[in-house]
């Protein structure tokens, strides 16, 4: 690695066309590495949000089932049941 840094510094210190080409490549690769890190962070956040949504959906489904049971215990007719009876 130190040898690569030394060679890079020599090229960047030169007054050649290679200097600007290397500088452009370094900037592009640096930006790509940073964007990759940022994308990984975004993917991790998205995965966490998806898990949270799954938990909330499961919780909501359980609540809805309990509500239906409670309504039925009071003698209510659920909309799905009424539509089947009228159909």
Protein backbone atom coordinates (compact mmCIF):
# COMPACT_ATOMS: atom_id res chain seq x y z
CA UNK A 1 0.00 0.00 0.00
CA UNK A 2 2.73 2.55 0.80
CA UNK A 3 4.25 1.88 -2.61
CA UNK A 4 0.91 2.59 -4.29
CA UNK A 5 0.54 5.85 -2.37
CA UNK A 6 4.10 6.86 -3.35
CA UNK A 7 3.45 6.15 -7.04
CA UNK A 8 0.13 8.01 -6.88
CA UNK A 9 1.82 11.03 -5.33
CA UNK A 10 4.52 11.00 -8.02
CA UNK A 11 1.91 10.92 -10.78
CA UNK A 12 -0.16 13.66 -9.16
CA UNK A 13 2.98 15.80 -8.73
CA UNK A 14 3.92 15.41 -12.41
CA UNK A 15 2.94 17.89 -15.06
CA UNK A 16 1.57 15.28 -17.47
CA UNK A 17 -1.76 14.31 -18.92
CA UNK A 18 -1.66 11.29 -16.60
CA UNK A 19 -1.94 13.61 -13.59
CA UNK A 20 -5.36 14.92 -14.57
CA UNK A 21 -6.53 11.47 -15.67
CA UNK A 22 -5.49 9.93 -12.34
CA UNK A 23 -7.03 12.81 -10.38
CA UNK A 24 -10.33 12.32 -12.24
CA UNK A 25 -10.27 8.59 -11.59
CA UNK A 26 -9.47 9.08 -7.92
CA UNK A 27 -12.40 11.47 -7.54
CA UNK A 28 -14.74 9.11 -9.38
CA UNK A 29 -13.68 6.06 -7.36
CA UNK A 30 -13.85 8.01 -4.11
CA UNK A 31 -17.38 9.13 -4.90
CA UNK A 32 -18.35 5.57 -5.87
CA UNK A 33 -17.00 4.16 -2.60
CA UNK A 34 -18.87 6.79 -0.59
CA UNK A 35 -22.08 6.18 -2.52
CA UNK A 36 -21.75 2.45 -1.94
CA UNK A 37 -21.43 3.04 1.81
CA UNK A 38 -24.46 5.32 1.72
CA UNK A 39 -26.45 2.76 -0.28
CA UNK A 40 -25.61 0.07 2.26
CA UNK A 41 -26.84 2.34 5.03
CA UNK A 42 -30.06 3.03 3.13
CA UNK A 43 -30.59 -0.71 2.52
CA UNK A 44 -30.13 -1.44 6.23
CA UNK A 45 -32.63 1.26 7.17
CA UNK A 46 -35.10 -0.04 4.59
CA UNK A 47 -34.80 -3.59 5.92
CA UNK A 48 -35.42 -2.35 9.46
CA UNK A 49 -38.48 -0.42 8.28
CA UNK A 50 -39.83 -3.48 6.46
CA UNK A 51 -39.48 -5.59 9.61
CA UNK A 52 -41.22 -2.92 11.64
CA UNK A 53 -44.07 -2.76 9.10
CA UNK A 54 -44.44 -6.55 9.20
CA UNK A 55 -44.69 -6.46 13.00
CA UNK A 56 -47.24 -3.65 12.87
CA UNK A 57 -49.27 -5.45 10.20
CA UNK A 58 -49.32 -8.64 12.26
CA UNK A 59 -50.31 -6.67 15.33
CA UNK A 60 -53.09 -4.89 13.42
CA UNK A 61 -54.39 -8.19 12.04
CA UNK A 62 -54.56 -9.56 15.59
CA UNK A 63 -56.42 -6.49 16.78
CA UNK A 64 -58.89 -6.74 13.91
CA UNK A 65 -59.52 -10.41 14.67
CA UNK A 66 -60.19 -9.60 18.33
CA UNK A 67 -62.54 -6.78 17.31
CA UNK A 68 -64.45 -9.11 15.00
CA UNK A 69 -64.77 -11.68 17.78
CA UNK A 70 -66.01 -9.02 20.18
CA UNK A 71 -68.55 -7.68 17.66
CA UNK A 72 -69.79 -11.18 16.92
CA UNK A 73 -70.15 -11.87 20.66
CA UNK A 74 -72.45 -8.81 20.83
CA UNK A 75 -74.57 -10.24 18.01
CA UNK A 76 -73.27 -7.99 15.23
CA UNK A 77 -73.12 -9.10 11.62
CA UNK A 78 -69.87 -8.41 9.81
CA UNK A 79 -70.10 -6.70 6.40
CA UNK A 80 -68.64 -9.76 4.64
CA UNK A 81 -71.32 -11.97 6.15
CA UNK A 82 -74.12 -9.55 5.13
CA UNK A 83 -72.85 -9.40 1.53
CA UNK A 84 -72.79 -13.19 1.32
CA UNK A 85 -76.36 -13.34 2.62
CA UNK A 86 -77.61 -10.75 0.09
CA UNK A 87 -75.66 -12.21 -2.85
